């Protein structure tokens, strides 16, 4: 079975998955959540909804957006799950979603749900530097505390980050810099960072995993991947950039015209349930559902209890509107 099909129960083979709609008691879900998250969440969902088969196609944010747009005339999914809200706000994707007031959505603050009911975001992710402390000592550099610190010549060839065109993590990182500094200074910093960049990855988690095993000194990645690496004993320090620590919300929504609306709605309701919230806390630094316990990994990694103290307040609407132009400009200036 292809690894990007993550089953909750028995799933269809890829050819059948692509060629036929889901059957009764079965839904097709598109997601950009990390593979390990999908497996953990669906394990809990299976216990609560053992009669529902969930077939998940997992793609990176950029690839998923392109697929959704390509399938607009004939949607193949029932649910969009864990997809960057910045991308959902693209009118070509937003128009694919049907208003649905999921059970429990009213517990979310207004900023975490769409006014027309097309998406809601119980979770999100934030950017962080994964710094390999052993390699940092070897190259004789100071611990980087901000994006500008990474322009130090000591970090030449020692930094990796995600490609913003394929990774939502990569995009939130440069979007935060541009929103915080403005176009002229922001693009100059991005170009200065490129001088030290070893490579750009298609995955938001991969830069951290490369840093944790010592391939590079700094991986600009995700906070929860850093927290996991620290817990696993790697010589890592997690640094939340003190200048522009970007974050993203991960939205869920009902695909317009789904042939399996009842089952799809049932799954969306589950994503706001108490059991879902509990498992979110084990994988996410950003959980928007109230009353969710803090992860022990967050304490171990030194994540501030009040994230508002460190997070740059992203303008998601502006970020979504400017996405294509920003990625085009990035490819023109620094893309490889």
Protein backbone atom coordinates (compact mmCIF):
# COMPACT_ATOMS: atom_id res chain seq x y z
CA UNK A 1 0.00 0.00 0.00
CA UNK A 2 1.46 3.44 -0.86
CA UNK A 3 2.72 5.08 2.31
CA UNK A 4 0.74 8.28 1.77
CA UNK A 5 -2.52 6.36 2.17
CA UNK A 6 -2.96 6.25 5.94
CA UNK A 7 -5.79 3.87 6.86
CA UNK A 8 -8.02 4.06 9.89
CA UNK A 9 -9.38 0.63 9.00
CA UNK A 10 -8.94 -1.31 5.79
CA UNK A 11 -8.44 1.07 2.86
CA UNK A 12 -8.79 0.80 -0.88
CA UNK A 13 -5.83 0.20 -3.14
CA UNK A 14 -4.52 3.42 -4.71
CA UNK A 15 -6.06 2.77 -8.13
CA UNK A 16 -9.47 2.14 -6.63
CA UNK A 17 -9.03 5.12 -4.30
CA UNK A 18 -8.48 7.44 -7.22
CA UNK A 19 -11.12 5.96 -9.48
CA UNK A 20 -14.16 5.54 -7.26
CA UNK A 21 -15.98 7.56 -4.59
CA UNK A 22 -16.02 6.39 -1.00
CA UNK A 23 -18.71 3.88 -0.07
CA UNK A 24 -21.31 4.29 2.67
CA UNK A 25 -19.56 4.23 6.04
CA UNK A 26 -16.37 5.29 4.32
CA UNK A 27 -14.89 8.71 3.57
CA UNK A 28 -11.94 10.09 1.67
CA UNK A 29 -9.92 12.70 3.53
CA UNK A 30 -7.23 14.98 2.13
CA UNK A 31 -4.64 16.15 4.67
CA UNK A 32 -1.29 17.91 5.01
CA UNK A 33 -0.75 16.79 8.59
CA UNK A 34 2.47 14.93 9.26
CA UNK A 35 2.27 11.15 8.76
CA UNK A 36 2.91 10.34 12.42
CA UNK A 37 0.18 12.76 13.49
CA UNK A 38 -2.34 11.19 11.14
CA UNK A 39 -1.55 7.73 12.51
CA UNK A 40 -1.90 8.89 16.13
CA UNK A 41 -5.15 10.78 15.57
CA UNK A 42 -6.78 8.02 13.56
CA UNK A 43 -5.89 5.41 16.16
CA UNK A 44 -8.05 7.33 18.62
CA UNK A 45 -10.79 8.00 16.06
CA UNK A 46 -11.01 4.31 15.21
CA UNK A 47 -11.79 3.46 18.80
CA UNK A 48 -14.60 6.01 18.87
CA UNK A 49 -15.97 5.35 15.37
CA UNK A 50 -15.12 1.71 14.59
CA UNK A 51 -17.76 1.53 11.85
CA UNK A 52 -16.23 4.38 9.84
CA UNK A 53 -13.42 3.76 7.36
CA UNK A 54 -11.27 6.81 6.71
CA UNK A 55 -8.99 6.80 3.66
CA UNK A 56 -6.39 9.55 3.94
CA UNK A 57 -4.34 11.00 1.12
CA UNK A 58 -1.46 12.97 2.63
CA UNK A 59 0.38 15.56 0.53
CA UNK A 60 2.51 18.59 1.32
CA UNK A 61 0.64 21.88 1.50
CA UNK A 62 1.69 23.09 -1.94
CA UNK A 63 0.98 19.79 -3.66
CA UNK A 64 -2.36 19.43 -1.90
CA UNK A 65 -3.45 22.90 -2.95
CA UNK A 66 -2.59 22.14 -6.57
CA UNK A 67 -4.50 18.86 -6.43
CA UNK A 68 -7.61 20.45 -4.93
CA UNK A 69 -7.68 23.10 -7.64
CA UNK A 70 -7.10 20.53 -10.39
CA UNK A 71 -10.03 18.44 -9.09
CA UNK A 72 -12.37 21.40 -8.62
CA UNK A 73 -14.78 20.30 -11.36
CA UNK A 74 -14.94 16.77 -9.95
CA UNK A 75 -13.91 16.67 -6.26
CA UNK A 76 -12.50 13.34 -5.10
CA UNK A 77 -12.50 13.98 -1.33
CA UNK A 78 -15.17 14.39 1.33
CA UNK A 79 -13.14 16.21 3.97
CA UNK A 80 -10.19 18.60 4.05
CA UNK A 81 -8.32 17.97 7.30
CA UNK A 82 -5.35 19.80 8.79
CA UNK A 83 -4.71 22.13 5.87
CA UNK A 84 -3.06 25.54 6.22
CA UNK A 85 -5.68 28.26 6.64
CA UNK A 86 -3.51 30.60 4.57
CA UNK A 87 -4.07 28.21 1.65
CA UNK A 88 -7.74 27.63 2.45
CA UNK A 89 -8.28 31.38 2.01
CA UNK A 90 -7.27 31.04 -1.63
CA UNK A 91 -10.65 31.64 -3.34
CA UNK A 92 -10.12 28.62 -5.61
CA UNK A 93 -9.90 26.40 -2.52
CA UNK A 94 -12.30 28.29 -0.26
CA UNK A 95 -15.05 27.91 -2.87
CA UNK A 96 -14.62 24.12 -2.73
CA UNK A 97 -15.75 24.06 0.91
CA UNK A 98 -19.37 23.87 2.02
CA UNK A 99 -20.57 25.63 5.17
CA UNK A 100 -21.01 23.21 8.07
CA UNK A 101 -21.35 24.05 11.75
CA UNK A 102 -19.50 21.17 13.37
CA UNK A 103 -20.54 20.07 16.83
CA UNK A 104 -18.45 21.99 19.35
CA UNK A 105 -17.22 24.65 16.93
CA UNK A 106 -18.71 27.38 19.11
CA UNK A 107 -16.03 26.69 21.73
CA UNK A 108 -13.41 28.12 19.37
CA UNK A 109 -12.65 31.84 19.40
CA UNK A 110 -13.83 33.67 16.29
CA UNK A 111 -10.27 33.99 14.96
CA UNK A 112 -10.06 30.20 14.73
CA UNK A 113 -13.17 29.64 12.57
CA UNK A 114 -14.65 31.02 9.41
CA UNK A 115 -17.53 33.47 9.71
CA UNK A 116 -19.39 31.58 6.99
CA UNK A 117 -18.69 28.18 8.53
CA UNK A 118 -16.47 26.80 5.77
CA UNK A 119 -13.49 26.00 7.98
CA UNK A 120 -12.42 25.76 11.61
CA UNK A 121 -8.98 25.26 13.08
CA UNK A 122 -8.59 23.37 16.37
CA UNK A 123 -4.81 23.12 15.93
CA UNK A 124 -1.86 24.88 14.36
CA UNK A 125 1.90 24.84 14.20
CA UNK A 126 4.67 27.33 14.82
CA UNK A 127 8.09 27.78 13.36
CA UNK A 128 11.24 27.16 15.37
CA UNK A 129 14.96 26.67 14.90
CA UNK A 130 16.29 23.19 15.66
CA UNK A 131 19.90 23.79 16.66
CA UNK A 132 22.35 20.91 16.97
CA UNK A 133 24.39 22.02 19.98
CA UNK A 134 27.34 19.71 19.27
CA UNK A 135 27.73 20.94 15.71
CA UNK A 136 27.21 24.54 16.84
CA UNK A 137 30.21 24.18 19.13
CA UNK A 138 32.25 22.59 16.34
CA UNK A 139 31.70 25.51 13.96
CA UNK A 140 32.34 28.05 16.72
CA UNK A 141 29.12 30.00 16.28
CA UNK A 142 26.88 31.65 18.86
CA UNK A 143 23.39 30.25 19.52
CA UNK A 144 21.12 31.95 16.94
CA UNK A 145 18.20 33.75 18.56
CA UNK A 146 16.78 35.50 15.52
CA UNK A 147 16.58 35.19 11.74
CA UNK A 148 19.21 37.89 11.35
CA UNK A 149 21.62 35.84 13.51
CA UNK A 150 21.54 33.15 10.81
CA UNK A 151 23.20 35.54 8.34
CA UNK A 152 26.46 35.26 10.32
CA UNK A 153 29.17 33.88 7.97
CA UNK A 154 29.82 31.15 10.54
CA UNK A 155 26.55 29.53 9.39
CA UNK A 156 27.51 29.31 5.72
CA UNK A 157 26.27 25.94 4.44
CA UNK A 158 24.95 25.08 7.90
CA UNK A 159 21.27 26.07 7.59
CA UNK A 160 18.35 24.23 5.99
CA UNK A 161 14.73 25.32 5.69
CA UNK A 162 11.61 24.22 3.78
CA UNK A 163 10.80 25.42 0.28
CA UNK A 164 7.89 27.88 0.74
CA UNK A 165 6.35 26.76 -2.55
CA UNK A 166 5.83 23.19 -1.38
CA UNK A 167 5.77 23.51 2.40
CA UNK A 168 3.34 25.49 4.52
CA UNK A 169 6.06 25.72 7.16
CA UNK A 170 8.45 27.31 4.69
CA UNK A 171 5.80 29.77 3.58
CA UNK A 172 4.82 30.87 7.09
CA UNK A 173 8.49 31.55 7.84
CA UNK A 174 9.04 33.96 4.97
CA UNK A 175 5.53 35.43 5.28
CA UNK A 176 6.26 36.38 8.90
CA UNK A 177 9.54 38.02 7.90
CA UNK A 178 7.87 40.03 5.13
CA UNK A 179 4.92 41.06 7.29
CA UNK A 180 7.22 42.05 10.13
CA UNK A 181 9.92 43.89 8.19
CA UNK A 182 8.09 45.08 5.11
CA UNK A 183 8.88 44.22 1.50
CA UNK A 184 12.24 45.89 0.98
CA UNK A 185 13.96 44.92 4.21
CA UNK A 186 12.22 41.54 4.35
CA UNK A 187 13.35 40.42 0.92
CA UNK A 188 16.87 41.63 1.67
CA UNK A 189 16.98 39.46 4.80
CA UNK A 190 15.64 36.48 2.84
CA UNK A 191 18.40 36.93 0.26
CA UNK A 192 21.02 37.29 3.01
CA UNK A 193 19.75 34.07 4.59
CA UNK A 194 20.02 32.31 1.24
CA UNK A 195 23.75 32.97 1.21
CA UNK A 196 24.09 30.56 4.15
CA UNK A 197 21.41 28.10 3.10
CA UNK A 198 22.62 24.57 2.32
CA UNK A 199 19.32 23.44 0.80
CA UNK A 200 15.55 23.84 0.79
CA UNK A 201 13.43 20.79 1.57
CA UNK A 202 9.92 19.89 0.44
CA UNK A 203 8.96 18.87 3.99
CA UNK A 204 8.47 21.19 6.94
CA UNK A 205 9.72 18.62 9.45
CA UNK A 206 12.78 17.43 7.51
CA UNK A 207 15.10 20.38 8.34
CA UNK A 208 14.79 19.59 12.04
CA UNK A 209 15.38 15.90 11.49
CA UNK A 210 18.50 16.73 9.45
CA UNK A 211 19.80 18.97 12.22
CA UNK A 212 19.09 16.49 15.00
CA UNK A 213 21.33 13.84 13.42
CA UNK A 214 24.10 16.36 12.76
CA UNK A 215 23.84 16.82 9.00
CA UNK A 216 23.54 20.57 9.54
CA UNK A 217 23.70 22.95 12.48
CA UNK A 218 20.32 24.67 12.12
CA UNK A 219 17.04 23.42 10.70
CA UNK A 220 14.34 26.08 10.40
CA UNK A 221 11.38 23.82 11.03
CA UNK A 222 8.48 23.11 13.38
CA UNK A 223 8.43 23.47 17.16
CA UNK A 224 6.82 20.08 17.84
CA UNK A 225 9.48 18.27 15.78
CA UNK A 226 12.12 20.01 17.86
CA UNK A 227 10.33 19.00 21.06
CA UNK A 228 10.20 15.39 19.91
CA UNK A 229 13.89 15.40 19.04
CA UNK A 230 14.84 16.79 22.45
CA UNK A 231 12.69 14.13 24.13
CA UNK A 232 14.41 11.43 22.08
CA UNK A 233 17.79 12.53 23.39
CA UNK A 234 19.27 14.30 20.38
CA UNK A 235 21.69 17.18 21.10
CA UNK A 236 19.10 19.80 20.17
CA UNK A 237 18.01 23.15 21.46
CA UNK A 238 14.73 24.62 20.29
CA UNK A 239 14.85 28.33 19.57
CA UNK A 240 11.72 30.37 18.90
CA UNK A 241 12.99 33.29 16.77
CA UNK A 242 12.75 36.41 18.87
CA UNK A 243 12.05 38.60 15.87
CA UNK A 244 9.48 36.88 13.60
CA UNK A 245 8.19 33.58 14.97
CA UNK A 246 5.54 32.71 12.41
CA UNK A 247 2.71 30.28 12.95
CA UNK A 248 -0.09 28.72 10.94
CA UNK A 249 -3.55 27.41 11.71
CA UNK A 250 -4.59 24.02 10.34
CA UNK A 251 -8.18 24.06 9.16
CA UNK A 252 -10.81 21.39 8.59
CA UNK A 253 -13.77 21.62 6.26
CA UNK A 254 -16.46 19.78 4.32
CA UNK A 255 -15.83 19.41 0.58
CA UNK A 256 -18.77 20.77 -1.40
CA UNK A 257 -20.88 18.10 -3.08
CA UNK A 258 -19.63 15.20 -0.97
CA UNK A 259 -21.62 12.00 -1.55
CA UNK A 260 -20.90 10.98 2.04
CA UNK A 261 -21.96 14.07 3.93
CA UNK A 262 -23.31 12.34 7.03
CA UNK A 263 -20.09 10.38 7.57
CA UNK A 264 -17.94 13.39 6.67
CA UNK A 265 -19.79 15.57 9.17
CA UNK A 266 -19.41 12.90 11.80
CA UNK A 267 -15.66 12.88 11.28
CA UNK A 268 -15.49 16.69 11.41
CA UNK A 269 -17.44 16.63 14.68
CA UNK A 270 -14.90 14.16 16.07
CA UNK A 271 -12.01 16.54 15.29
CA UNK A 272 -13.46 18.89 17.92
CA UNK A 273 -14.10 16.19 20.52
CA UNK A 274 -12.46 15.84 23.91
CA UNK A 275 -10.59 12.71 22.82
CA UNK A 276 -9.22 14.49 19.76
CA UNK A 277 -8.13 17.42 21.92
CA UNK A 278 -6.25 15.08 24.23
CA UNK A 279 -4.18 13.57 21.44
CA UNK A 280 -3.60 16.99 19.85
CA UNK A 281 -1.84 18.04 23.05
CA UNK A 282 0.71 15.27 22.51
CA UNK A 283 1.69 16.51 19.05
CA UNK A 284 0.95 20.23 18.82
CA UNK A 285 2.36 23.39 20.32
CA UNK A 286 -0.70 25.32 19.13
CA UNK A 287 -4.09 23.92 20.24
CA UNK A 288 -6.96 26.40 20.01
CA UNK A 289 -9.50 24.27 21.89
CA UNK A 290 -9.90 25.57 25.47
CA UNK A 291 -8.81 23.57 28.48
CA UNK A 292 -6.34 21.31 26.68
CA UNK A 293 -3.49 20.16 28.96
CA UNK A 294 0.02 21.32 28.12
CA UNK A 295 2.33 18.70 26.67
CA UNK A 296 5.21 17.55 28.92
CA UNK A 297 7.42 17.87 25.85
CA UNK A 298 6.72 21.61 25.80
CA UNK A 299 8.03 21.98 29.35
CA UNK A 300 11.07 19.86 28.57
CA UNK A 301 11.93 21.97 25.52
CA UNK A 302 11.30 25.27 27.31
CA UNK A 303 8.32 26.41 25.25
CA UNK A 304 6.74 29.48 26.89
CA UNK A 305 3.39 28.83 28.53
CA UNK A 306 1.89 31.94 26.96
CA UNK A 307 2.64 31.65 23.24
CA UNK A 308 1.32 35.15 22.63
CA UNK A 309 4.58 36.34 24.20
CA UNK A 310 6.62 34.89 21.34
CA UNK A 311 4.39 34.43 18.30
CA UNK A 312 4.34 37.04 15.57
CA UNK A 313 0.70 37.98 14.99
CA UNK A 314 0.20 36.76 11.46
CA UNK A 315 -2.33 38.37 9.13
CA UNK A 316 -3.63 35.16 7.55
CA UNK A 317 -5.89 36.91 5.06
CA UNK A 318 -3.02 39.04 3.76
CA UNK A 319 -0.72 36.03 3.75
CA UNK A 320 -3.21 34.02 1.72
CA UNK A 321 -3.89 36.82 -0.74
CA UNK A 322 -0.20 37.43 -1.39
CA UNK A 323 0.89 33.78 -1.45
CA UNK A 324 1.28 33.29 -5.20
CA UNK A 325 3.10 36.61 -5.61
CA UNK A 326 5.43 35.89 -2.68
CA UNK A 327 6.33 32.41 -3.89
CA UNK A 328 6.93 33.72 -7.42
CA UNK A 329 9.21 36.44 -6.06
CA UNK A 330 11.03 33.94 -3.84
CA UNK A 331 11.71 31.65 -6.79
CA UNK A 332 12.95 34.61 -8.80
CA UNK A 333 15.37 35.77 -6.09
CA UNK A 334 16.53 32.65 -4.27
CA UNK A 335 14.74 29.56 -5.54
CA UNK A 336 16.92 26.59 -6.44
